[in-house]
Amino acid sequence: MARKDGKRVTVTLRSTEGTGTSYTTSKNRLNQRERLEVRKYDRVLRRHVLFRETR
């Protein structure tokens, strides 16, 4: 089983359109210092929108 040494952290991606839809994913804290931005599918709007990492 893999070690949990704290290099990867679980983050929440929230929709920028204000629908309340969110995804959870993990990122490497050492390689990606800035907030994550990904275009993903919003199930409420039924289209792809920008999702940003929340803290």
N, C-alpha and C. Protein backbone atom coordinates (compact mmCIF):
# COMPACT_ATOMS: atom_id res chain seq x y z
N MET A 1 0.83 -1.18 0.00
CA MET A 1 0.00 0.00 0.00
C MET A 1 0.88 1.25 0.00
N ALA A 2 0.41 2.31 -0.60
CA ALA A 2 1.20 3.53 -0.74
C ALA A 2 1.31 4.29 0.59
N ARG A 3 2.41 5.00 0.74
CA ARG A 3 2.62 5.80 1.95
C ARG A 3 1.81 7.08 1.88
N LYS A 4 1.38 7.55 3.03
CA LYS A 4 0.68 8.83 3.14
C LYS A 4 1.63 9.82 3.79
N ASP A 5 2.50 10.44 3.00
CA ASP A 5 3.50 11.32 3.59
C ASP A 5 3.16 12.80 3.40
N GLY A 6 1.99 13.11 2.88
CA GLY A 6 1.56 14.51 2.83
C GLY A 6 1.93 15.27 1.58
N LYS A 7 2.47 14.61 0.57
CA LYS A 7 2.79 15.33 -0.66
C LYS A 7 1.56 15.57 -1.53
N ARG A 8 0.59 14.66 -1.44
CA ARG A 8 -0.65 14.84 -2.19
C ARG A 8 -1.74 15.25 -1.23
N VAL A 9 -2.58 16.18 -1.68
CA VAL A 9 -3.63 16.71 -0.83
C VAL A 9 -4.95 16.64 -1.60
N THR A 10 -6.04 16.35 -0.89
CA THR A 10 -7.37 16.30 -1.51
C THR A 10 -7.93 17.70 -1.58
N VAL A 11 -8.39 18.11 -2.77
CA VAL A 11 -8.94 19.45 -2.97
C VAL A 11 -10.36 19.34 -3.50
N THR A 12 -11.15 20.38 -3.28
CA THR A 12 -12.51 20.46 -3.79
C THR A 12 -12.56 21.46 -4.93
N LEU A 13 -13.15 21.06 -6.04
CA LEU A 13 -13.35 21.95 -7.18
C LEU A 13 -14.80 22.38 -7.19
N ARG A 14 -15.05 23.69 -7.15
CA ARG A 14 -16.40 24.23 -7.09
C ARG A 14 -16.69 24.99 -8.39
N SER A 15 -17.92 24.90 -8.87
CA SER A 15 -18.33 25.54 -10.12
C SER A 15 -18.29 27.06 -9.97
N THR A 16 -17.81 27.74 -11.02
CA THR A 16 -17.77 29.20 -11.01
C THR A 16 -19.12 29.81 -11.39
N GLU A 17 -20.05 29.00 -11.83
CA GLU A 17 -21.36 29.50 -12.24
C GLU A 17 -22.32 29.65 -11.07
N GLY A 18 -21.94 29.20 -9.89
CA GLY A 18 -22.77 29.39 -8.71
C GLY A 18 -23.87 28.38 -8.53
N THR A 19 -23.76 27.21 -9.15
CA THR A 19 -24.80 26.20 -9.02
C THR A 19 -24.60 25.32 -7.79
N GLY A 20 -23.42 25.37 -7.18
CA GLY A 20 -23.15 24.55 -6.01
C GLY A 20 -22.59 23.18 -6.34
N THR A 21 -22.40 22.89 -7.61
CA THR A 21 -21.84 21.60 -8.01
C THR A 21 -20.35 21.57 -7.69
N SER A 22 -19.87 20.43 -7.19
CA SER A 22 -18.46 20.33 -6.84
C SER A 22 -17.92 18.94 -7.16
N TYR A 23 -16.63 18.88 -7.38
CA TYR A 23 -15.88 17.64 -7.57
C TYR A 23 -14.76 17.61 -6.55
N THR A 24 -14.30 16.42 -6.19
CA THR A 24 -13.11 16.30 -5.36
C THR A 24 -12.05 15.56 -6.15
N THR A 25 -10.80 15.99 -5.98
CA THR A 25 -9.67 15.37 -6.66
C THR A 25 -8.45 15.57 -5.78
N SER A 26 -7.32 15.05 -6.20
CA SER A 26 -6.09 15.25 -5.44
C SER A 26 -5.06 15.89 -6.35
N LYS A 27 -4.13 16.63 -5.72
CA LYS A 27 -3.05 17.24 -6.48
C LYS A 27 -1.77 17.15 -5.68
N ASN A 28 -0.65 17.22 -6.37
CA ASN A 28 0.65 17.19 -5.74
C ASN A 28 0.97 18.59 -5.24
N ARG A 29 1.14 18.73 -3.95
CA ARG A 29 1.35 20.04 -3.33
C ARG A 29 2.71 20.63 -3.72
N LEU A 30 3.70 19.78 -4.01
CA LEU A 30 5.03 20.28 -4.34
C LEU A 30 5.11 20.81 -5.76
N ASN A 31 4.41 20.18 -6.70
CA ASN A 31 4.50 20.58 -8.11
C ASN A 31 3.51 21.65 -8.49
N GLN A 32 2.36 21.72 -7.85
CA GLN A 32 1.32 22.68 -8.20
C GLN A 32 1.02 23.55 -6.99
N ARG A 33 1.65 24.70 -6.91
CA ARG A 33 1.44 25.61 -5.80
C ARG A 33 0.16 26.42 -5.96
N GLU A 34 -0.15 26.82 -7.19
CA GLU A 34 -1.33 27.68 -7.42
C GLU A 34 -2.62 26.86 -7.40
N ARG A 35 -3.73 27.57 -7.36
CA ARG A 35 -5.04 26.90 -7.33
C ARG A 35 -5.33 26.24 -8.67
N LEU A 36 -5.98 25.11 -8.60
CA LEU A 36 -6.29 24.32 -9.77
C LEU A 36 -7.54 24.86 -10.46
N GLU A 37 -7.51 24.96 -11.80
CA GLU A 37 -8.67 25.37 -12.59
C GLU A 37 -8.86 24.36 -13.71
N VAL A 38 -10.06 23.77 -13.79
CA VAL A 38 -10.34 22.72 -14.76
C VAL A 38 -11.73 22.94 -15.33
N ARG A 39 -11.89 22.71 -16.64
CA ARG A 39 -13.23 22.74 -17.23
C ARG A 39 -13.83 21.35 -17.10
N LYS A 40 -14.95 21.27 -16.37
CA LYS A 40 -15.61 19.99 -16.15
C LYS A 40 -17.11 20.16 -16.38
N TYR A 41 -17.82 19.03 -16.38
CA TYR A 41 -19.25 19.03 -16.67
C TYR A 41 -20.04 19.41 -15.42
N ASP A 42 -20.91 20.42 -15.55
CA ASP A 42 -21.82 20.83 -14.47
C ASP A 42 -23.16 20.14 -14.72
N ARG A 43 -23.56 19.27 -13.79
CA ARG A 43 -24.77 18.48 -13.98
C ARG A 43 -26.03 19.32 -13.88
N VAL A 44 -26.00 20.44 -13.18
CA VAL A 44 -27.18 21.30 -13.05
C VAL A 44 -27.42 22.06 -14.35
N LEU A 45 -26.36 22.66 -14.91
CA LEU A 45 -26.48 23.42 -16.16
C LEU A 45 -26.45 22.54 -17.40
N ARG A 46 -25.96 21.31 -17.25
CA ARG A 46 -25.83 20.34 -18.34
C ARG A 46 -24.91 20.85 -19.45
N ARG A 47 -23.78 21.44 -19.02
CA ARG A 47 -22.74 21.86 -19.96
C ARG A 47 -21.41 21.96 -19.22
N HIS A 48 -20.33 22.12 -19.96
CA HIS A 48 -19.00 22.23 -19.36
C HIS A 48 -18.75 23.68 -18.93
N VAL A 49 -18.28 23.85 -17.70
CA VAL A 49 -17.96 25.17 -17.16
C VAL A 49 -16.63 25.07 -16.42
N LEU A 50 -16.11 26.22 -16.01
CA LEU A 50 -14.86 26.29 -15.29
C LEU A 50 -15.07 25.99 -13.81
N PHE A 51 -14.25 25.08 -13.28
CA PHE A 51 -14.27 24.74 -11.85
C PHE A 51 -12.97 25.19 -11.25
N ARG A 52 -13.02 25.86 -10.08
CA ARG A 52 -11.83 26.33 -9.39
C ARG A 52 -11.68 25.65 -8.04
N GLU A 53 -10.44 25.51 -7.62
CA GLU A 53 -10.14 24.91 -6.32
C GLU A 53 -10.56 25.85 -5.20
N THR A 54 -11.26 25.30 -4.20
CA THR A 54 -11.62 26.07 -3.00
C THR A 54 -10.78 25.57 -1.85
N ARG A 55 -10.64 26.41 -0.85
CA ARG A 55 -9.82 26.03 0.32
C ARG A 55 -10.68 25.83 1.53
